[in-house]
Amino acid sequence: MKRGPTRSVIVLFCILMLSACAVRERAVPALQPDSGAQVWPQPPDIPRYAYAGTLIGDADFLAKKVEKKSFGTKALEFIIGLVFGAPDYLRLVRPVSGLIDGQGRVVVTDVGRPGVVVFDFKKMKADLWQIAAEGQDFVSPIGIAEDGAGGFYVTDSQLGEVFHLGVNGEPLQGFGKRLLGRPTGIARDPETGNYFVTDTEHHRIVVFSREGEVLDTIGARGTGLGR
């Protein structure tokens, strides 16, 4: 039987031999690759990535939370579970892209939710951000990039806009409305603060300033030079 797409996201980190790798400096302590971790590429090539762990949702933190609970609390929760059923724990459904922010959180866009799932190892919990803007929930969040100030920009391919979220997921002012057809990928230039957004519908990349103004467009549909 053909199996559907996996519901977990595999997190890869650069291994320590990459001294210039920024991800290494911000790697999550709870997801460090061990000495026997699978690497890519395989020797004799020089490995650049090592498998560090798998994240699926609340279950990643439940075991450690249970260890800290008293016997009475565990017993009460067991009884409640028998009466009302098991809690509806948060888990990834259809993860698309992700990053590790300055706080060491793993932040993942999930089309199946739809929303942004945040794995916070300091708070030992997973959160779901579903609000894209005031009065508007995410429909199809695809790409994500940091804003350089602790927040994030998230593309939504169905809504045709890039949404700005604060450090805790609060909606801020985005950009690209009525300019983008189907935004998917997004990357930020840390030197200029400009954003490069893939507009799949129009077969191009649109360059935005940090204020959301269009600076340039790259490419067009076709097979010729620059297309």
Protein backbone atom coordinates (compact mmCIF):
# COMPACT_ATOMS: atom_id res chain seq x y z
CA MET A 1 0.00 0.00 0.00
CA LYS A 2 1.28 3.44 -0.86
CA ARG A 3 1.82 5.53 2.22
CA GLY A 4 0.98 9.20 2.42
CA PRO A 5 3.45 11.96 3.31
CA THR A 6 5.01 11.75 6.73
CA ARG A 7 3.52 13.87 9.51
CA SER A 8 6.80 14.69 11.12
CA VAL A 9 9.50 17.13 10.27
CA ILE A 10 13.12 16.05 10.32
CA VAL A 11 15.47 18.67 11.66
CA LEU A 12 18.95 18.79 10.21
CA PHE A 13 21.82 20.80 11.62
CA CYS A 14 25.31 21.53 10.37
CA ILE A 15 27.83 19.48 12.33
CA LEU A 16 30.60 21.04 14.38
CA MET A 17 33.23 20.74 11.66
CA LEU A 18 31.52 23.62 9.85
CA SER A 19 33.02 26.35 11.98
CA ALA A 20 31.48 29.10 9.87
CA CYS A 21 27.96 27.70 9.95
CA ALA A 22 25.54 30.09 11.70
CA VAL A 23 23.05 27.32 12.41
CA ARG A 24 25.61 25.55 14.56
CA GLU A 25 25.81 28.51 16.94
CA ARG A 26 22.04 28.56 17.38
CA ALA A 27 21.37 24.82 17.44
CA VAL A 28 18.77 23.67 19.95
CA PRO A 29 20.48 21.89 22.88
CA ALA A 30 17.71 19.27 22.94
CA LEU A 31 18.37 18.40 19.29
CA GLN A 32 22.12 18.00 19.06
CA PRO A 33 23.38 15.18 16.83
CA ASP A 34 25.32 12.50 18.72
CA SER A 35 28.63 10.96 17.69
CA GLY A 36 26.89 8.15 15.79
CA ALA A 37 24.41 10.35 13.91
CA GLN A 38 23.68 9.76 10.24
CA VAL A 39 25.47 12.29 8.07
CA TRP A 40 25.28 13.61 4.53
CA PRO A 41 27.14 13.32 2.30
CA GLN A 42 28.73 10.05 3.28
CA PRO A 43 32.53 9.74 3.64
CA PRO A 44 34.93 9.97 1.90
CA ASP A 45 33.13 13.23 1.08
CA ILE A 46 33.17 15.80 3.85
CA PRO A 47 29.85 15.59 5.78
CA ARG A 48 27.92 18.85 5.95
CA TYR A 49 24.74 17.75 7.72
CA ALA A 50 23.97 15.42 10.60
CA TYR A 51 20.60 14.02 11.69
CA ALA A 52 19.72 15.58 15.05
CA GLY A 53 16.17 14.50 15.79
CA THR A 54 12.52 14.36 14.75
CA LEU A 55 9.73 16.68 15.90
CA ILE A 56 6.01 15.89 15.73
CA GLY A 57 4.24 18.15 18.27
CA ASP A 58 3.22 18.12 21.93
CA ALA A 59 4.44 14.54 22.25
CA ASP A 60 8.02 15.79 22.08
CA PHE A 61 7.57 17.40 25.50
CA LEU A 62 4.96 15.20 27.22
CA ALA A 63 7.34 12.62 28.65
CA LYS A 64 9.43 15.21 30.49
CA LYS A 65 6.31 17.01 31.72
CA VAL A 66 4.90 13.79 33.15
CA GLU A 67 8.12 13.15 35.07
CA LYS A 68 7.66 16.43 36.98
CA LYS A 69 4.03 15.78 37.97
CA SER A 70 3.00 14.41 41.35
CA PHE A 71 1.28 11.03 41.72
CA GLY A 72 -2.02 12.75 42.59
CA THR A 73 -1.92 14.90 39.44
CA LYS A 74 -1.15 11.89 37.26
CA ALA A 75 -4.01 9.91 38.83
CA LEU A 76 -6.49 12.80 38.34
CA GLU A 77 -5.50 13.24 34.70
CA PHE A 78 -5.86 9.49 34.16
CA ILE A 79 -9.41 9.54 35.50
CA ILE A 80 -10.31 12.60 33.43
CA GLY A 81 -8.96 10.83 30.37
CA LEU A 82 -11.17 7.80 31.02
CA VAL A 83 -14.26 10.00 31.31
CA PHE A 84 -13.69 12.59 28.60
CA GLY A 85 -11.16 10.84 26.37
CA ALA A 86 -7.57 11.67 25.56
CA PRO A 87 -6.66 15.36 25.04
CA ASP A 88 -6.39 16.63 21.49
CA TYR A 89 -2.64 17.13 21.43
CA LEU A 90 -1.03 19.44 18.90
CA ARG A 91 0.92 17.65 16.19
CA LEU A 92 2.23 18.47 12.75
CA VAL A 93 -0.04 17.58 9.84
CA ARG A 94 1.63 18.81 6.66
CA PRO A 95 4.84 20.71 7.48
CA VAL A 96 6.37 22.66 4.60
CA SER A 97 9.31 24.78 5.73
CA GLY A 98 10.98 25.95 8.92
CA LEU A 99 13.84 27.67 10.66
CA ILE A 100 15.53 28.07 14.04
CA ASP A 101 15.11 31.56 15.47
CA GLY A 102 17.36 33.54 17.78
CA GLN A 103 15.70 32.01 20.85
CA GLY A 104 16.45 28.47 19.71
CA ARG A 105 12.82 27.77 18.83
CA VAL A 106 12.03 25.58 15.82
CA VAL A 107 9.36 27.44 13.81
CA VAL A 108 7.53 25.44 11.12
CA THR A 109 4.83 26.37 8.60
CA ASP A 110 2.09 23.74 8.40
CA VAL A 111 -0.41 23.79 5.53
CA GLY A 112 -2.48 21.07 7.15
CA ARG A 113 -3.29 23.10 10.27
CA PRO A 114 -3.07 25.69 8.70
CA GLY A 115 -0.69 27.85 10.69
CA VAL A 116 2.78 28.11 12.18
CA VAL A 117 3.87 25.54 14.77
CA VAL A 118 6.48 26.70 17.26
CA PHE A 119 8.58 24.22 19.25
CA ASP A 120 9.83 26.07 22.35
CA PHE A 121 12.41 23.99 24.22
CA LYS A 122 12.77 26.51 27.05
CA LYS A 123 9.04 26.47 27.85
CA MET A 124 8.79 22.76 26.98
CA LYS A 125 5.74 23.23 24.78
CA ALA A 126 4.52 23.50 21.21
CA ASP A 127 2.34 26.44 20.15
CA LEU A 128 0.17 27.04 17.09
CA TRP A 129 -0.10 30.48 15.48
CA GLN A 130 -3.13 30.56 13.17
CA ILE A 131 -3.85 34.30 12.87
CA ALA A 132 -2.20 35.89 9.83
CA ALA A 133 -3.64 39.39 10.22
CA GLU A 134 -6.49 41.10 12.01
CA GLY A 135 -9.64 39.24 11.00
CA GLN A 136 -7.73 36.81 8.79
CA ASP A 137 -6.45 33.29 9.56
CA PHE A 138 -3.80 31.50 7.54
CA VAL A 139 -5.08 29.39 4.65
CA SER A 140 -1.92 27.99 3.07
CA PRO A 141 1.28 29.12 4.87
CA ILE A 142 4.33 28.04 2.89
CA GLY A 143 7.59 29.97 3.35
CA ILE A 144 9.00 31.64 6.44
CA ALA A 145 11.89 34.02 7.11
CA GLU A 146 13.05 36.06 10.09
CA ASP A 147 12.56 39.82 10.05
CA GLY A 148 15.85 40.63 11.78
CA ALA A 149 14.09 41.86 14.93
CA GLY A 150 12.81 38.61 16.41
CA GLY A 151 9.69 38.34 14.27
CA PHE A 152 8.83 36.49 11.07
CA TYR A 153 7.45 36.92 7.58
CA VAL A 154 5.22 34.10 6.31
CA THR A 155 3.99 33.65 2.75
CA ASP A 156 0.47 32.36 2.17
CA SER A 157 0.02 30.92 -1.32
CA GLN A 158 -3.78 31.07 -1.26
CA LEU A 159 -4.15 34.54 0.22
CA GLY A 160 -1.47 35.96 -2.08
CA GLU A 161 0.31 37.96 0.60
CA VAL A 162 3.33 37.99 2.90
CA PHE A 163 2.24 38.27 6.53
CA HIS A 164 4.34 39.75 9.31
CA LEU A 165 4.27 38.13 12.75
CA GLY A 166 5.86 39.41 15.94
CA VAL A 167 8.16 37.43 18.22
CA ASN A 168 5.17 35.71 19.87
CA GLY A 169 3.07 35.35 16.74
CA GLU A 170 1.13 38.60 17.04
CA PRO A 171 0.04 39.89 13.58
CA LEU A 172 1.83 42.98 12.27
CA GLN A 173 1.85 44.82 8.95
CA GLY A 174 2.68 42.56 5.99
CA PHE A 175 3.19 43.31 2.29
CA GLY A 176 2.55 42.04 -1.23
CA LYS A 177 -1.25 42.23 -1.29
CA ARG A 178 -2.55 42.60 -4.86
CA LEU A 179 1.06 42.34 -6.08
CA LEU A 180 1.67 38.62 -5.66
CA GLY A 181 -0.27 35.80 -7.27
CA ARG A 182 0.90 32.74 -5.37
CA PRO A 183 3.80 33.53 -3.01
CA THR A 184 5.70 30.48 -1.80
CA GLY A 185 9.39 30.76 -0.92
CA ILE A 186 10.88 33.72 0.92
CA ALA A 187 14.41 34.70 1.94
CA ARG A 188 15.85 37.78 3.64
CA ASP A 189 19.15 39.46 2.80
CA PRO A 190 20.67 40.19 6.24
CA GLU A 191 22.87 42.98 4.86
CA THR A 192 20.20 45.05 3.11
CA GLY A 193 17.08 43.78 4.87
CA ASN A 194 15.45 43.15 1.48
CA TYR A 195 13.16 40.16 0.91
CA PHE A 196 13.13 37.83 -2.08
CA VAL A 197 9.72 36.24 -2.61
CA THR A 198 8.94 33.49 -5.11
CA ASP A 199 5.70 34.24 -6.97
CA THR A 200 4.87 30.81 -8.40
CA GLU A 201 1.80 31.93 -10.33
CA HIS A 202 3.72 34.57 -12.27
CA HIS A 203 6.96 32.58 -12.58
CA ARG A 204 9.12 35.24 -11.03
CA ILE A 205 10.93 36.39 -7.91
CA VAL A 206 9.88 39.75 -6.48
CA VAL A 207 12.36 41.78 -4.43
CA PHE A 208 10.83 43.85 -1.63
CA SER A 209 12.44 46.44 0.61
CA ARG A 210 12.11 46.10 4.37
CA GLU A 211 9.22 48.58 4.08
CA GLY A 212 7.42 46.31 1.62
CA GLU A 213 8.12 48.33 -1.54
CA VAL A 214 8.85 46.48 -4.79
CA LEU A 215 12.49 47.00 -5.79
CA ASP A 216 12.87 44.51 -8.61
CA THR A 217 11.43 41.46 -10.34
CA ILE A 218 13.51 38.54 -11.58
CA GLY A 219 12.42 36.11 -14.28
CA ALA A 220 9.25 35.41 -16.23
CA ARG A 221 7.47 32.42 -17.74
CA GLY A 222 9.33 30.82 -20.65
CA THR A 223 12.51 28.96 -21.59
CA GLY A 224 14.67 31.81 -22.83
CA LEU A 225 17.52 33.57 -21.07
CA GLY A 226 16.37 34.97 -17.72
CA ARG A 227 13.09 33.06 -17.78
